[in-house]
Amino acid sequence: LKPEDTAVYYCAKGLQSVVASTPWYYDTWGQ
């Protein structure tokens, strides 16, 4: 880990089974 990794980390569920990097693809988020 590096200092630049400092952040709030969230997990999210995608719309389908395949991966995607676009934020709109994820429709449910943790806190």
PDB file of all heavy atoms in Angstrom:
ATOM      1  N   LEU A   1       0.823  -1.209   0.000  1.00  0.00           N
ATOM      2  CA  LEU A   1       0.000   0.000   0.000  1.00  0.00           C
ATOM      3  C   LEU A   1       0.856   1.257   0.000  1.00  0.00           C
ATOM      4  O   LEU A   1       1.923   1.305   0.610  1.00  0.00           O
ATOM      5  CB  LEU A   1      -0.936  -0.006   1.197  1.00  0.00           C
ATOM      6  CG  LEU A   1      -2.153  -0.923   1.037  1.00  0.00           C
ATOM      7  CD1 LEU A   1      -2.793  -1.210   2.385  1.00  0.00           C
ATOM      8  CD2 LEU A   1      -3.168  -0.290   0.082  1.00  0.00           C
ATOM      9  N   LYS A   2       0.360   2.265  -0.700  1.00  0.00           N
ATOM     10  CA  LYS A   2       1.025   3.552  -0.826  1.00  0.00           C
ATOM     11  C   LYS A   2       0.124   4.647  -0.274  1.00  0.00           C
ATOM     12  O   LYS A   2      -1.092   4.488  -0.246  1.00  0.00           O
ATOM     13  CB  LYS A   2       1.338   3.845  -2.296  1.00  0.00           C
ATOM     14  CG  LYS A   2       2.149   2.778  -3.005  1.00  0.00           C
ATOM     15  CD  LYS A   2       2.291   3.103  -4.487  1.00  0.00           C
ATOM     16  CE  LYS A   2       3.091   2.048  -5.216  1.00  0.00           C
ATOM     17  NZ  LYS A   2       3.204   2.352  -6.666  1.00  0.00           N
ATOM     18  N   PRO A   3       0.698   5.779   0.144  1.00  0.00           N
ATOM     19  CA  PRO A   3      -0.142   6.879   0.627  1.00  0.00           C
ATOM     20  C   PRO A   3      -1.203   7.307  -0.382  1.00  0.00           C
ATOM     21  O   PRO A   3      -2.303   7.694   0.027  1.00  0.00           O
ATOM     22  CB  PRO A   3       0.868   7.999   0.881  1.00  0.00           C
ATOM     23  CG  PRO A   3       2.118   7.274   1.235  1.00  0.00           C
ATOM     24  CD  PRO A   3       2.135   6.057   0.344  1.00  0.00           C
ATOM     25  N   GLU A   4      -0.911   7.228  -1.668  1.00  0.00           N
ATOM     26  CA  GLU A   4      -1.885   7.607  -2.676  1.00  0.00           C
ATOM     27  C   GLU A   4      -3.054   6.635  -2.793  1.00  0.00           C
ATOM     28  O   GLU A   4      -4.019   6.913  -3.510  1.00  0.00           O
ATOM     29  CB  GLU A   4      -1.218   7.783  -4.052  1.00  0.00           C
ATOM     30  CG  GLU A   4      -0.353   6.617  -4.466  1.00  0.00           C
ATOM     31  CD  GLU A   4       1.125   6.852  -4.165  1.00  0.00           C
ATOM     32  OE1 GLU A   4       1.434   7.316  -3.057  1.00  0.00           O
ATOM     33  OE2 GLU A   4       1.963   6.568  -5.051  1.00  0.00           O
ATOM     34  N   ASP A   5      -2.988   5.502  -2.101  1.00  0.00           N
ATOM     35  CA  ASP A   5      -4.122   4.588  -2.035  1.00  0.00           C
ATOM     36  C   ASP A   5      -5.154   5.022  -1.002  1.00  0.00           C
ATOM     37  O   ASP A   5      -6.225   4.414  -0.913  1.00  0.00           O
ATOM     38  CB  ASP A   5      -3.656   3.170  -1.700  1.00  0.00           C
ATOM     39  CG  ASP A   5      -2.786   2.558  -2.781  1.00  0.00           C
ATOM     40  OD1 ASP A   5      -3.100   2.738  -3.980  1.00  0.00           O
ATOM     41  OD2 ASP A   5      -1.795   1.886  -2.437  1.00  0.00           O
ATOM     42  N   THR A   6      -4.841   6.035  -0.217  1.00  0.00           N
ATOM     43  CA  THR A   6      -5.761   6.520   0.803  1.00  0.00           C
ATOM     44  C   THR A   6      -7.055   7.008   0.160  1.00  0.00           C
ATOM     45  O   THR A   6      -7.034   7.864  -0.726  1.00  0.00           O
ATOM     46  CB  THR A   6      -5.121   7.646   1.610  1.00  0.00           C
ATOM     47  OG1 THR A   6      -3.998   7.139   2.332  1.00  0.00           O
ATOM     48  CG2 THR A   6      -6.117   8.245   2.600  1.00  0.00           C
ATOM     49  N   ALA A   7      -8.181   6.460   0.604  1.00  0.00           N
ATOM     50  CA  ALA A   7      -9.479   6.794   0.034  1.00  0.00           C
ATOM     51  C   ALA A   7     -10.557   6.029   0.779  1.00  0.00           C
ATOM     52  O   ALA A   7     -10.269   5.143   1.588  1.00  0.00           O
ATOM     53  CB  ALA A   7      -9.528   6.436  -1.458  1.00  0.00           C
ATOM     54  N   VAL A   8     -11.798   6.377   0.499  1.00  0.00           N
ATOM     55  CA  VAL A   8     -12.917   5.544   0.897  1.00  0.00           C
ATOM     56  C   VAL A   8     -13.146   4.537  -0.218  1.00  0.00           C
ATOM     57  O   VAL A   8     -13.265   4.916  -1.387  1.00  0.00           O
ATOM     58  CB  VAL A   8     -14.189   6.370   1.154  1.00  0.00           C
ATOM     59  CG1 VAL A   8     -15.356   5.451   1.501  1.00  0.00           C
ATOM     60  CG2 VAL A   8     -13.951   7.371   2.272  1.00  0.00           C
ATOM     61  N   TYR A   9     -13.208   3.271   0.129  1.00  0.00           N
ATOM     62  CA  TYR A   9     -13.377   2.205  -0.841  1.00  0.00           C
ATOM     63  C   TYR A   9     -14.804   1.691  -0.805  1.00  0.00           C
ATOM     64  O   TYR A   9     -15.355   1.421   0.262  1.00  0.00           O
ATOM     65  CB  TYR A   9     -12.396   1.064  -0.564  1.00  0.00           C
ATOM     66  CG  TYR A   9     -10.987   1.383  -1.005  1.00  0.00           C
ATOM     67  CD1 TYR A   9     -10.228   2.313  -0.314  1.00  0.00           C
ATOM     68  CD2 TYR A   9     -10.425   0.765  -2.123  1.00  0.00           C
ATOM     69  CE1 TYR A   9      -8.942   2.630  -0.730  1.00  0.00           C
ATOM     70  CE2 TYR A   9      -9.146   1.072  -2.533  1.00  0.00           C
ATOM     71  CZ  TYR A   9      -8.405   2.005  -1.838  1.00  0.00           C
ATOM     72  OH  TYR A   9      -7.127   2.307  -2.251  1.00  0.00           O
ATOM     73  N   TYR A  10     -15.400   1.541  -1.984  1.00  0.00           N
ATOM     74  CA  TYR A  10     -16.775   1.096  -2.136  1.00  0.00           C
ATOM     75  C   TYR A  10     -16.830  -0.154  -3.002  1.00  0.00           C
ATOM     76  O   TYR A  10     -16.098  -0.257  -3.989  1.00  0.00           O
ATOM     77  CB  TYR A  10     -17.630   2.163  -2.821  1.00  0.00           C
ATOM     78  CG  TYR A  10     -17.668   3.503  -2.132  1.00  0.00           C
ATOM     79  CD1 TYR A  10     -16.700   4.460  -2.391  1.00  0.00           C
ATOM     80  CD2 TYR A  10     -18.690   3.812  -1.247  1.00  0.00           C
ATOM     81  CE1 TYR A  10     -16.738   5.698  -1.774  1.00  0.00           C
ATOM     82  CE2 TYR A  10     -18.739   5.046  -0.628  1.00  0.00           C
ATOM     83  CZ  TYR A  10     -17.760   5.989  -0.897  1.00  0.00           C
ATOM     84  OH  TYR A  10     -17.805   7.217  -0.282  1.00  0.00           O
ATOM     85  N   CYS A  11     -17.701  -1.084  -2.668  1.00  0.00           N
ATOM     86  CA  CYS A  11     -17.998  -2.160  -3.591  1.00  0.00           C
ATOM     87  C   CYS A  11     -19.312  -1.861  -4.302  1.00  0.00           C
ATOM     88  O   CYS A  11     -20.149  -1.118  -3.804  1.00  0.00           O
ATOM     89  CB  CYS A  11     -18.047  -3.528  -2.892  1.00  0.00           C
ATOM     90  SG  CYS A  11     -19.358  -3.740  -1.679  1.00  0.00           S
ATOM     91  N   ALA A  12     -19.470  -2.439  -5.482  1.00  0.00           N
ATOM     92  CA  ALA A  12     -20.634  -2.151  -6.307  1.00  0.00           C
ATOM     93  C   ALA A  12     -21.000  -3.366  -7.143  1.00  0.00           C
ATOM     94  O   ALA A  12     -20.142  -4.165  -7.504  1.00  0.00           O
ATOM     95  CB  ALA A  12     -20.358  -0.954  -7.220  1.00  0.00           C
ATOM     96  N   LYS A  13     -22.275  -3.484  -7.467  1.00  0.00           N
ATOM     97  CA  LYS A  13     -22.810  -4.565  -8.279  1.00  0.00           C
ATOM     98  C   LYS A  13     -23.051  -4.087  -9.686  1.00  0.00           C
ATOM     99  O   LYS A  13     -23.678  -3.039  -9.900  1.00  0.00           O
ATOM    100  CB  LYS A  13     -24.122  -5.090  -7.692  1.00  0.00           C
ATOM    101  CG  LYS A  13     -24.719  -6.246  -8.487  1.00  0.00           C
ATOM    102  CD  LYS A  13     -26.152  -6.548  -8.062  1.00  0.00           C
ATOM    103  CE  LYS A  13     -27.129  -5.560  -8.680  1.00  0.00           C
ATOM    104  NZ  LYS A  13     -27.238  -5.699 -10.155  1.00  0.00           N
ATOM    105  N   GLY A  14     -22.602  -4.855 -10.664  1.00  0.00           N
ATOM    106  CA  GLY A  14     -22.826  -4.539 -12.054  1.00  0.00           C
ATOM    107  C   GLY A  14     -24.202  -4.954 -12.526  1.00  0.00           C
ATOM    108  O   GLY A  14     -24.935  -5.675 -11.846  1.00  0.00           O
ATOM    109  N   LEU A  15     -24.559  -4.491 -13.722  1.00  0.00           N
ATOM    110  CA  LEU A  15     -25.861  -4.808 -14.291  1.00  0.00           C
ATOM    111  C   LEU A  15     -25.928  -6.222 -14.851  1.00  0.00           C
ATOM    112  O   LEU A  15     -27.003  -6.830 -14.875  1.00  0.00           O
ATOM    113  CB  LEU A  15     -26.204  -3.814 -15.406  1.00  0.00           C
ATOM    114  CG  LEU A  15     -26.482  -2.381 -14.975  1.00  0.00           C
ATOM    115  CD1 LEU A  15     -26.553  -1.475 -16.206  1.00  0.00           C
ATOM    116  CD2 LEU A  15     -27.770  -2.300 -14.176  1.00  0.00           C
ATOM    117  N   GLN A  16     -24.787  -6.752 -15.301  1.00  0.00           N
ATOM    118  CA  GLN A  16     -24.725  -8.061 -15.909  1.00  0.00           C
ATOM    119  C   GLN A  16     -23.551  -8.844 -15.358  1.00  0.00           C
ATOM    120  O   GLN A  16     -22.877  -8.393 -14.429  1.00  0.00           O
ATOM    121  CB  GLN A  16     -24.629  -7.926 -17.437  1.00  0.00           C
ATOM    122  CG  GLN A  16     -25.834  -7.247 -18.071  1.00  0.00           C
ATOM    123  CD  GLN A  16     -25.675  -7.081 -19.566  1.00  0.00           C
ATOM    124  OE1 GLN A  16     -24.570  -6.920 -20.075  1.00  0.00           O
ATOM    125  NE2 GLN A  16     -26.789  -7.121 -20.275  1.00  0.00           N
ATOM    126  N   SER A  17     -23.268  -9.995 -15.935  1.00  0.00           N
ATOM    127  CA  SER A  17     -22.215 -10.858 -15.433  1.00  0.00           C
ATOM    128  C   SER A  17     -20.825 -10.449 -15.907  1.00  0.00           C
ATOM    129  O   SER A  17     -19.834 -10.800 -15.265  1.00  0.00           O
ATOM    130  CB  SER A  17     -22.481 -12.312 -15.831  1.00  0.00           C
ATOM    131  OG  SER A  17     -22.479 -12.467 -17.243  1.00  0.00           O
ATOM    132  N   VAL A  18     -20.735  -9.711 -17.011  1.00  0.00           N
ATOM    133  CA  VAL A  18     -19.446  -9.323 -17.562  1.00  0.00           C
ATOM    134  C   VAL A  18     -18.918  -8.086 -16.855  1.00  0.00           C
ATOM    135  O   VAL A  18     -19.676  -7.299 -16.287  1.00  0.00           O
ATOM    136  CB  VAL A  18     -19.540  -9.059 -19.075  1.00  0.00           C
ATOM    137  CG1 VAL A  18     -19.907 -10.336 -19.810  1.00  0.00           C
ATOM    138  CG2 VAL A  18     -20.564  -7.972 -19.368  1.00  0.00           C
ATOM    139  N   VAL A  19     -17.597  -7.892 -16.902  1.00  0.00           N
ATOM    140  CA  VAL A  19     -16.978  -6.743 -16.255  1.00  0.00           C
ATOM    141  C   VAL A  19     -17.082  -5.520 -17.145  1.00  0.00           C
ATOM    142  O   VAL A  19     -17.176  -5.615 -18.368  1.00  0.00           O
ATOM    143  CB  VAL A  19     -15.501  -7.000 -15.904  1.00  0.00           C
ATOM    144  CG1 VAL A  19     -15.386  -8.106 -14.873  1.00  0.00           C
ATOM    145  CG2 VAL A  19     -14.705  -7.340 -17.155  1.00  0.00           C
ATOM    146  N   ALA A  20     -17.059  -4.354 -16.522  1.00  0.00           N
ATOM    147  CA  ALA A  20     -17.042  -3.078 -17.214  1.00  0.00           C
ATOM    148  C   ALA A  20     -16.430  -2.040 -16.291  1.00  0.00           C
ATOM    149  O   ALA A  20     -16.505  -2.170 -15.065  1.00  0.00           O
ATOM    150  CB  ALA A  20     -18.444  -2.654 -17.634  1.00  0.00           C
ATOM    151  N   SER A  21     -15.812  -1.017 -16.878  1.00  0.00           N
ATOM    152  CA  SER A  21     -15.156   0.019 -16.099  1.00  0.00           C
ATOM    153  C   SER A  21     -15.959   1.306 -16.004  1.00  0.00           C
ATOM    154  O   SER A  21     -15.557   2.226 -15.294  1.00  0.00           O
ATOM    155  CB  SER A  21     -13.779   0.332 -16.690  1.00  0.00           C
ATOM    156  OG  SER A  21     -13.888   0.773 -18.029  1.00  0.00           O
ATOM    157  N   THR A  22     -17.083   1.374 -16.677  1.00  0.00           N
ATOM    158  CA  THR A  22     -17.907   2.576 -16.706  1.00  0.00           C
ATOM    159  C   THR A  22     -18.799   2.641 -15.482  1.00  0.00           C
ATOM    160  O   THR A  22     -19.502   1.674 -15.174  1.00  0.00           O
ATOM    161  CB  THR A  22     -18.766   2.607 -17.971  1.00  0.00           C
ATOM    162  OG1 THR A  22     -17.940   2.360 -19.111  1.00  0.00           O
ATOM    163  CG2 THR A  22     -19.438   3.954 -18.138  1.00  0.00           C
ATOM    164  N   PRO A  23     -18.824   3.763 -14.752  1.00  0.00           N
ATOM    165  CA  PRO A  23     -19.607   3.837 -13.514  1.00  0.00           C
ATOM    166  C   PRO A  23     -21.090   3.540 -13.673  1.00  0.00           C
ATOM    167  O   PRO A  23     -21.695   2.958 -12.770  1.00  0.00           O
ATOM    168  CB  PRO A  23     -19.369   5.283 -13.044  1.00  0.00           C
ATOM    169  CG  PRO A  23     -18.031   5.637 -13.600  1.00  0.00           C
ATOM    170  CD  PRO A  23     -17.975   4.955 -14.944  1.00  0.00           C
ATOM    171  N   TRP A  24     -21.695   3.944 -14.806  1.00  0.00           N
ATOM    172  CA  TRP A  24     -23.130   3.724 -14.983  1.00  0.00           C
ATOM    173  C   TRP A  24     -23.500   2.261 -15.051  1.00  0.00           C
ATOM    174  O   TRP A  24     -24.676   1.916 -14.901  1.00  0.00           O
ATOM    175  CB  TRP A  24     -23.650   4.452 -16.231  1.00  0.00           C
ATOM    176  CG  TRP A  24     -22.980   4.073 -17.534  1.00  0.00           C
ATOM    177  CD1 TRP A  24     -22.034   4.798 -18.209  1.00  0.00           C
ATOM    178  CD2 TRP A  24     -23.214   2.901 -18.313  1.00  0.00           C
ATOM    179  NE1 TRP A  24     -21.668   4.138 -19.365  1.00  0.00           N
ATOM    180  CE2 TRP A  24     -22.383   2.967 -19.456  1.00  0.00           C
ATOM    181  CE3 TRP A  24     -24.052   1.784 -18.169  1.00  0.00           C
ATOM    182  CZ2 TRP A  24     -22.357   1.979 -20.431  1.00  0.00           C
ATOM    183  CZ3 TRP A  24     -24.024   0.786 -19.143  1.00  0.00           C
ATOM    184  CH2 TRP A  24     -23.188   0.901 -20.253  1.00  0.00           C
ATOM    185  N   TYR A  25     -22.539   1.399 -15.250  1.00  0.00           N
ATOM    186  CA  TYR A  25     -22.765  -0.038 -15.320  1.00  0.00           C
ATOM    187  C   TYR A  25     -23.093  -0.638 -13.951  1.00  0.00           C
ATOM    188  O   TYR A  25     -23.629  -1.741 -13.872  1.00  0.00           O
ATOM    189  CB  TYR A  25     -21.525  -0.709 -15.903  1.00  0.00           C
ATOM    190  CG  TYR A  25     -21.652  -2.199 -16.142  1.00  0.00           C
ATOM    191  CD1 TYR A  25     -22.378  -2.697 -17.212  1.00  0.00           C
ATOM    192  CD2 TYR A  25     -21.017  -3.104 -15.296  1.00  0.00           C
ATOM    193  CE1 TYR A  25     -22.472  -4.057 -17.442  1.00  0.00           C
ATOM    194  CE2 TYR A  25     -21.103  -4.468 -15.522  1.00  0.00           C
ATOM    195  CZ  TYR A  25     -21.832  -4.942 -16.603  1.00  0.00           C
ATOM    196  OH  TYR A  25     -21.910  -6.292 -16.824  1.00  0.00           O
ATOM    197  N   TYR A  26     -22.789   0.082 -12.898  1.00  0.00           N
ATOM    198  CA  TYR A  26     -22.984  -0.418 -11.532  1.00  0.00           C
ATOM    199  C   TYR A  26     -24.195   0.257 -10.901  1.00  0.00           C
ATOM    200  O   TYR A  26     -24.262   1.487 -10.822  1.00  0.00           O
ATOM    201  CB  TYR A  26     -21.711  -0.197 -10.706  1.00  0.00           C
ATOM    202  CG  TYR A  26     -20.545  -0.935 -11.306  1.00  0.00           C
ATOM    203  CD1 TYR A  26     -19.750  -0.349 -12.285  1.00  0.00           C
ATOM    204  CD2 TYR A  26     -20.262  -2.242 -10.926  1.00  0.00           C
ATOM    205  CE1 TYR A  26     -18.702  -1.053 -12.872  1.00  0.00           C
ATOM    206  CE2 TYR A  26     -19.212  -2.939 -11.505  1.00  0.00           C
ATOM    207  CZ  TYR A  26     -18.442  -2.343 -12.476  1.00  0.00           C
ATOM    208  OH  TYR A  26     -17.404  -3.038 -13.054  1.00  0.00           O
ATOM    209  N   ASP A  27     -25.141  -0.536 -10.435  1.00  0.00           N
ATOM    210  CA  ASP A  27     -26.425   0.005  -9.998  1.00  0.00           C
ATOM    211  C   ASP A  27     -26.688  -0.104  -8.496  1.00  0.00           C
ATOM    212  O   ASP A  27     -27.712   0.393  -8.017  1.00  0.00           O
ATOM    213  CB  ASP A  27     -27.575  -0.649 -10.772  1.00  0.00           C
ATOM    214  CG  ASP A  27     -27.683  -2.149 -10.534  1.00  0.00           C
ATOM    215  OD1 ASP A  27     -26.822  -2.725  -9.834  1.00  0.00           O
ATOM    216  OD2 ASP A  27     -28.641  -2.747 -11.060  1.00  0.00           O
ATOM    217  N   THR A  28     -25.805  -0.750  -7.749  1.00  0.00           N
ATOM    218  CA  THR A  28     -25.949  -0.862  -6.306  1.00  0.00           C
ATOM    219  C   THR A  28     -24.598  -0.649  -5.654  1.00  0.00           C
ATOM    220  O   THR A  28     -23.594  -1.202  -6.110  1.00  0.00           O
ATOM    221  CB  THR A  28     -26.511  -2.236  -5.902  1.00  0.00           C
ATOM    222  OG1 THR A  28     -27.738  -2.489  -6.605  1.00  0.00           O
ATOM    223  CG2 THR A  28     -26.779  -2.275  -4.402  1.00  0.00           C
ATOM    224  N   TRP A  29     -24.573   0.146  -4.594  1.00  0.00           N
ATOM    225  CA  TRP A  29     -23.324   0.537  -3.943  1.00  0.00           C
ATOM    226  C   TRP A  29     -23.387   0.317  -2.442  1.00  0.00           C
ATOM    227  O   TRP A  29     -24.431   0.496  -1.818  1.00  0.00           O
ATOM    228  CB  TRP A  29     -23.024   2.019  -4.208  1.00  0.00           C
ATOM    229  CG  TRP A  29     -22.862   2.337  -5.658  1.00  0.00           C
ATOM    230  CD1 TRP A  29     -23.846   2.504  -6.589  1.00  0.00           C
ATOM    231  CD2 TRP A  29     -21.629   2.519  -6.353  1.00  0.00           C
ATOM    232  NE1 TRP A  29     -23.301   2.769  -7.821  1.00  0.00           N
ATOM    233  CE2 TRP A  29     -21.947   2.789  -7.701  1.00  0.00           C
ATOM    234  CE3 TRP A  29     -20.293   2.485  -5.954  1.00  0.00           C
ATOM    235  CZ2 TRP A  29     -20.966   3.019  -8.660  1.00  0.00           C
ATOM    236  CZ3 TRP A  29     -19.318   2.713  -6.907  1.00  0.00           C
ATOM    237  CH2 TRP A  29     -19.653   2.981  -8.242  1.00  0.00           C
ATOM    238  N   GLY A  30     -22.247  -0.058  -1.859  1.00  0.00           N
ATOM    239  CA  GLY A  30     -22.135  -0.106  -0.415  1.00  0.00           C
ATOM    240  C   GLY A  30     -21.877   1.269   0.154  1.00  0.00           C
ATOM    241  O   GLY A  30     -21.758   2.266  -0.571  1.00  0.00           O
ATOM    242  N   GLN A  31     -21.766   1.343   1.471  1.00  0.00           N
ATOM    243  CA  GLN A  31     -21.565   2.615   2.157  1.00  0.00           C
ATOM    244  C   GLN A  31     -20.107   3.040   2.230  1.00  0.00           C
ATOM    245  O   GLN A  31     -19.817   4.199   2.526  1.00  0.00           O
ATOM    246  CB  GLN A  31     -22.158   2.552   3.562  1.00  0.00           C
ATOM    247  CG  GLN A  31     -23.672   2.397   3.569  1.00  0.00           C
ATOM    248  CD  GLN A  31     -24.351   3.547   2.867  1.00  0.00           C
ATOM    249  OE1 GLN A  31     -24.149   4.707   3.219  1.00  0.00           O
ATOM    250  NE2 GLN A  31     -25.161   3.227   1.861  1.00  0.00           N
TER     251      GLN A  31
END
